């Protein structure tokens, strides 16, 4: 398992984060803030429509 310069083992999520960062450094490709926010808005709308019948907003 990869380690930091201090010898600490890196977890899977950290390794994935470092790989994503390296791809960004190499390509400069990133998802625009506006696109991410639009996607999150869509998820929020879907979450509201998927609430159990009779549950109401307070049960989440």
Protein backbone atom coordinates (compact mmCIF):
# COMPACT_ATOMS: atom_id res chain seq x y z
CA UNK A 1 0.00 0.00 0.00
CA UNK A 2 1.41 3.47 -0.87
CA UNK A 3 2.73 5.58 1.98
CA UNK A 4 3.35 9.26 2.60
CA UNK A 5 6.86 10.63 3.02
CA UNK A 6 6.31 10.16 6.76
CA UNK A 7 5.61 6.44 6.23
CA UNK A 8 1.87 6.65 6.93
CA UNK A 9 -0.21 4.27 4.84
CA UNK A 10 -2.69 5.97 2.54
CA UNK A 11 -6.28 4.80 2.52
CA UNK A 12 -8.17 3.99 -0.68
CA UNK A 13 -10.07 7.30 -0.70
CA UNK A 14 -6.87 9.28 -0.27
CA UNK A 15 -5.20 7.40 -3.12
CA UNK A 16 -8.24 8.11 -5.33
CA UNK A 17 -8.13 11.80 -4.36
CA UNK A 18 -4.43 12.01 -5.21
CA UNK A 19 -5.03 10.32 -8.58
CA UNK A 20 -7.83 12.81 -9.36
CA UNK A 21 -5.61 15.72 -8.37
CA UNK A 22 -2.81 14.41 -10.59
CA UNK A 23 -5.23 14.13 -13.55
CA UNK A 24 -6.33 17.74 -12.93
CA UNK A 25 -2.72 18.94 -12.76
CA UNK A 26 -1.92 17.15 -16.02
CA UNK A 27 -5.06 18.09 -17.98
CA UNK A 28 -6.52 21.17 -16.31
CA UNK A 29 -9.95 19.56 -16.79
CA UNK A 30 -12.49 20.36 -14.09
CA UNK A 31 -16.28 20.40 -13.86
CA UNK A 32 -17.58 23.99 -13.73
CA UNK A 33 -19.20 25.11 -10.47
CA UNK A 34 -22.45 25.98 -12.25
CA UNK A 35 -22.74 22.47 -13.68
CA UNK A 36 -22.17 20.87 -10.27
CA UNK A 37 -24.74 23.14 -8.63
CA UNK A 38 -27.33 22.33 -11.33
CA UNK A 39 -26.71 18.62 -10.75
CA UNK A 40 -27.11 19.04 -6.98
CA UNK A 41 -30.35 20.96 -7.51
CA UNK A 42 -31.66 18.07 -9.63
CA UNK A 43 -30.74 15.60 -6.89
CA UNK A 44 -32.56 17.72 -4.30
CA UNK A 45 -35.69 17.84 -6.45
CA UNK A 46 -35.59 14.06 -6.94
CA UNK A 47 -35.13 13.56 -3.18
CA UNK A 48 -38.24 15.64 -2.53
CA UNK A 49 -40.28 13.61 -5.01
CA UNK A 50 -39.07 10.29 -3.59
CA UNK A 51 -40.10 10.97 0.01
CA UNK A 52 -42.38 8.22 1.40
CA UNK A 53 -46.11 8.93 1.13
CA UNK A 54 -47.48 10.54 4.29
CA UNK A 55 -44.00 11.13 5.66
CA UNK A 56 -43.78 14.89 5.24
CA UNK A 57 -40.59 16.92 5.14
CA UNK A 58 -39.67 16.45 8.82
CA UNK A 59 -39.02 12.70 8.68
CA UNK A 60 -35.77 12.85 6.70
